[in-house]
Protein backbone atom coordinates (compact mmCIF):
# COMPACT_ATOMS: atom_id res chain seq x y z
CA MET A 1 3.35 -8.83 9.10
CA ARG A 2 5.41 -11.59 7.73
CA VAL A 3 6.85 -11.01 4.38
CA LEU A 4 9.39 -13.34 2.14
CA GLY A 5 11.34 -11.34 -0.29
CA VAL A 6 12.68 -12.98 -3.44
CA ASP A 7 15.08 -11.14 -5.37
CA PRO A 8 14.69 -13.09 -8.66
CA GLY A 9 17.83 -14.85 -10.28
CA LEU A 10 18.27 -18.35 -12.18
CA THR A 11 21.61 -19.12 -10.97
CA ARG A 12 20.91 -17.81 -7.06
CA CYS A 13 17.56 -16.50 -6.34
CA GLY A 14 17.55 -14.62 -3.06
CA VAL A 15 15.06 -15.61 -0.42
CA GLY A 16 14.42 -13.61 2.62
CA VAL A 17 11.58 -13.57 5.41
CA VAL A 18 11.04 -10.54 7.71
CA GLU A 19 8.44 -10.08 10.32
CA GLY A 20 7.33 -7.09 11.70
CA VAL A 21 5.33 -3.81 11.53
CA ALA A 22 6.36 -0.01 10.28
CA GLY A 23 8.19 1.73 13.11
CA ARG A 24 8.94 -0.83 15.28
CA PRO A 25 11.88 -3.21 15.28
CA LEU A 26 11.70 -5.79 12.39
CA THR A 27 12.73 -9.34 12.77
CA MET A 28 14.60 -12.08 10.18
CA LEU A 29 13.28 -15.23 10.52
CA GLY A 30 15.09 -16.67 7.39
CA VAL A 31 17.52 -15.84 4.55
CA GLY A 32 19.31 -17.83 1.82
CA VAL A 33 19.15 -18.53 -1.72
CA VAL A 34 17.99 -21.03 -3.94
CA ARG A 35 20.39 -22.07 -6.93
CA THR A 36 20.02 -23.84 -10.13
CA PRO A 37 23.09 -25.13 -12.21
CA ALA A 38 24.18 -22.97 -15.07
CA ASP A 39 24.83 -25.81 -17.52
CA ALA A 40 20.91 -27.27 -16.56
CA ASP A 41 18.20 -26.92 -19.14
CA ILE A 42 15.98 -23.92 -18.55
CA GLY A 43 12.98 -25.97 -17.68
CA HIS A 44 14.51 -27.79 -15.20
CA ARG A 45 16.18 -24.67 -13.74
CA LEU A 46 12.64 -23.01 -13.35
CA VAL A 47 11.04 -26.48 -11.65
CA GLY A 48 14.30 -26.10 -9.22
CA ILE A 49 13.18 -22.50 -8.43
CA GLU A 50 9.65 -23.57 -7.86
CA ARG A 51 10.32 -26.14 -5.62
CA GLY A 52 12.85 -23.80 -3.71
CA ILE A 53 10.25 -21.24 -3.26
CA GLU A 54 7.29 -23.78 -2.47
CA GLU A 55 9.70 -24.70 0.72
CA TRP A 56 10.34 -21.43 1.73
CA ILE A 57 6.54 -20.57 1.66
CA ASP A 58 5.63 -23.84 3.28
CA ARG A 59 8.40 -23.11 5.88
CA PHE A 60 7.89 -19.46 6.99
CA GLN A 61 4.24 -19.16 6.03
CA PRO A 62 4.34 -15.59 5.10
CA GLU A 63 1.52 -13.36 4.43
CA LEU A 64 2.57 -11.71 1.61
CA VAL A 65 5.53 -12.11 -1.05
CA ALA A 66 7.10 -9.05 -2.49
CA VAL A 67 9.54 -9.78 -5.78
CA GLU A 68 11.39 -7.27 -7.23
CA ARG A 69 9.90 -5.55 -10.16
CA VAL A 70 12.26 -6.72 -13.62
CA PHE A 71 14.00 -3.98 -15.78
CA SER A 72 14.99 -4.36 -19.25
CA GLN A 73 18.95 -4.19 -18.98
CA HIS A 74 21.48 -4.10 -21.64
CA ASN A 75 21.74 -7.61 -21.18
CA VAL A 76 18.39 -9.38 -22.48
CA ARG A 77 19.56 -13.19 -21.69
CA THR A 78 20.09 -11.86 -18.32
CA VAL A 79 17.05 -10.18 -17.98
CA MET A 80 14.95 -13.00 -19.43
CA GLY A 81 15.94 -15.41 -16.70
CA THR A 82 15.44 -12.62 -14.07
CA ALA A 83 12.10 -12.29 -15.42
CA GLN A 84 11.46 -16.24 -15.60
CA ALA A 85 12.20 -16.37 -12.04
CA SER A 86 10.21 -13.63 -11.26
CA ALA A 87 7.29 -15.24 -12.92
CA VAL A 88 7.53 -18.35 -10.78
CA ALA A 89 7.93 -16.43 -7.69
CA MET A 90 4.36 -15.00 -8.30
CA LEU A 91 3.00 -18.19 -9.37
CA CYS A 92 4.19 -19.88 -6.18
CA ALA A 93 2.37 -17.18 -4.36
CA ALA A 94 -0.74 -17.12 -6.47
CA ARG A 95 -1.23 -21.03 -6.05
CA ARG A 96 -1.64 -20.19 -2.34
CA GLY A 97 -3.57 -17.61 -2.39
CA LEU A 98 -0.85 -14.95 -1.31
CA PRO A 99 -0.75 -11.51 -2.29
CA VAL A 100 2.44 -10.73 -4.18
CA ALA A 101 3.86 -7.01 -4.31
CA LEU A 102 6.37 -5.63 -6.79
CA HIS A 103 9.15 -3.23 -5.83
CA THR A 104 11.69 -1.78 -8.28
CA PRO A 105 15.23 -2.13 -7.27
CA SER A 106 15.42 1.70 -6.85
CA GLU A 107 12.66 2.05 -4.62
CA VAL A 108 13.97 -0.86 -2.24
CA LYS A 109 17.24 1.09 -2.20
CA ALA A 110 15.64 4.24 -1.33
CA ALA A 111 13.60 2.65 1.70
CA VAL A 112 16.43 1.05 3.21
CA THR A 113 19.23 3.11 2.37
CA GLY A 114 17.38 6.70 1.68
CA SER A 115 19.11 6.23 -1.50
CA GLY A 116 18.04 5.06 -4.58
CA ARG A 117 21.31 4.55 -6.06
CA ALA A 118 22.77 2.74 -3.14
CA ASP A 119 25.20 -0.33 -4.12
CA LYS A 120 24.96 -3.66 -2.98
CA ALA A 121 27.28 -3.04 0.07
CA GLN A 122 25.33 -0.10 1.18
CA VAL A 123 21.97 -2.02 1.28
CA GLY A 124 23.92 -5.28 2.41
CA ALA A 125 25.23 -2.99 5.53
CA MET A 126 21.80 -1.08 6.25
CA VAL A 127 20.08 -4.64 6.00
CA THR A 128 22.68 -5.84 8.86
CA ARG A 129 21.92 -2.71 10.84
CA LEU A 130 18.32 -3.08 10.15
CA LEU A 131 17.98 -6.47 11.31
CA ARG A 132 20.46 -6.36 14.07
CA LEU A 133 22.72 -9.06 12.34
CA SER A 134 26.43 -10.30 13.18
CA ALA A 135 27.16 -9.82 9.75
CA PRO A 136 25.65 -8.80 6.15
CA PRO A 137 24.40 -11.85 4.36
CA ARG A 138 25.76 -13.66 1.66
CA PRO A 139 25.55 -13.60 -1.22
CA ALA A 140 24.53 -10.11 -2.01
CA ASP A 141 21.25 -11.77 -3.31
CA ALA A 142 19.83 -13.30 0.30
CA ALA A 143 20.72 -9.27 1.65
CA ASP A 144 18.67 -8.12 -1.71
CA ALA A 145 15.94 -10.36 -0.85
CA LEU A 146 15.77 -9.13 2.94
CA ALA A 147 15.90 -5.38 1.73
CA LEU A 148 12.85 -6.37 -0.58
CA ALA A 149 10.82 -7.85 2.46
CA ILE A 150 12.11 -4.34 4.70
CA CYS A 151 10.65 -2.08 1.89
CA HIS A 152 7.53 -3.62 1.56
CA ILE A 153 6.45 -3.87 5.44
CA TRP A 154 7.97 0.24 5.49
CA ARG A 155 6.03 1.09 2.27
CA ALA A 156 2.80 -1.48 3.25
CA PRO A 157 0.67 1.71 5.73
CA ALA A 158 1.47 4.17 2.97
CA GLN A 159 0.34 2.34 -0.11
CA ASN A 160 -2.97 1.04 1.94
CA ARG A 161 -3.59 4.87 2.68
CA LEU A 162 -3.50 5.48 -1.13
CA GLN A 163 -5.25 2.66 -2.23
CA GLN A 164 -8.04 3.58 0.32
CA ALA A 165 -8.21 6.88 -0.77
CA ALA A 166 -8.44 5.40 -4.43
CA ALA A 167 -11.35 3.21 -3.38
CA GLU A 168 -12.90 6.23 -1.58
CA ASN A 169 -12.54 8.43 -4.78
CA ARG A 170 -14.16 5.94 -7.19
CA LEU A 171 -17.11 5.35 -4.85
CA GLN A 172 -17.79 8.96 -4.73
CA GLN A 173 -17.15 9.51 -8.50
CA ALA A 174 -19.49 6.64 -8.77
CA ALA A 175 -22.02 8.35 -6.89
CA ALA A 176 -21.84 11.53 -8.60
CA ASP A 177 -22.17 9.73 -11.72
CA ASN A 178 -25.31 7.96 -10.48
CA ARG A 179 -26.68 11.49 -8.82
CA LEU A 180 -25.96 12.73 -12.65
CA GLN A 181 -27.86 10.07 -14.48
CA GLN A 182 -31.14 10.32 -11.84
CA ALA A 183 -31.01 14.07 -12.91
CA VAL A 184 -30.96 13.34 -16.48
CA ALA A 185 -33.36 10.57 -16.55
CA GLN A 186 -35.79 12.85 -14.54
CA ASN A 187 -35.37 15.73 -16.67
CA ARG A 188 -36.41 13.60 -19.79
CA LEU A 189 -39.54 12.30 -17.57
CA GLN A 190 -40.44 16.09 -17.34
CA GLN A 191 -39.61 16.94 -20.93
CA ALA A 192 -42.12 13.89 -22.17
CA ALA A 193 -44.87 15.06 -19.46
CA ALA A 194 -44.86 18.54 -20.82
CA PRO A 195 -46.60 18.18 -23.75
CA HIS A 196 -49.25 16.25 -22.34
CA ALA A 197 -49.64 18.91 -20.01
CA SER A 198 -50.15 21.36 -22.45
CA LYS A 199 -52.37 19.67 -24.63
CA GLY A 200 -54.56 19.30 -21.62
CA ARG A 201 -54.51 22.94 -20.89
CA THR A 202 -55.62 23.56 -24.41
CA SER A 203 -58.39 21.71 -24.70
């Protein structure tokens, strides 16, 4: 599986591509950031992020895009910018028919370090170790993007099993509902036929 991780942000949008499967060594194919000037118009900044992410998708041809799920923070302006960058990443993926997976920061930290409260330094150190890099990716946004990709590759098998179980449960429930409807319909037919049978016996 080849995953493009996106750590959304307006000034620095982290991007990283990781390839591999759960349970085996992973390989980093690329890492970096898409930057936009802080004094530029918001529209132009979003277009810049869009072009940057599209270049990464075209270059590495990922099978899926993993994006950090945005949570509200105390700084509303910051979270709005992050959400806008996140939406751009999802749009770029959707345009190419690529599935998008959203992971919370705590999910990513827990998957990579074992603790949902790990700091950026710990995440960077574990990403470096897991991908056998010579040094932690800089800036931290780039390391976070790789962590997102790693998180999804590791969590994908479990998520697939849950989805399959949910789908099977829905099928079983639909079959049970269908049997119930058939039983109800059959019972109504029998009740409707009962008076006619009684009249026949009386006459």
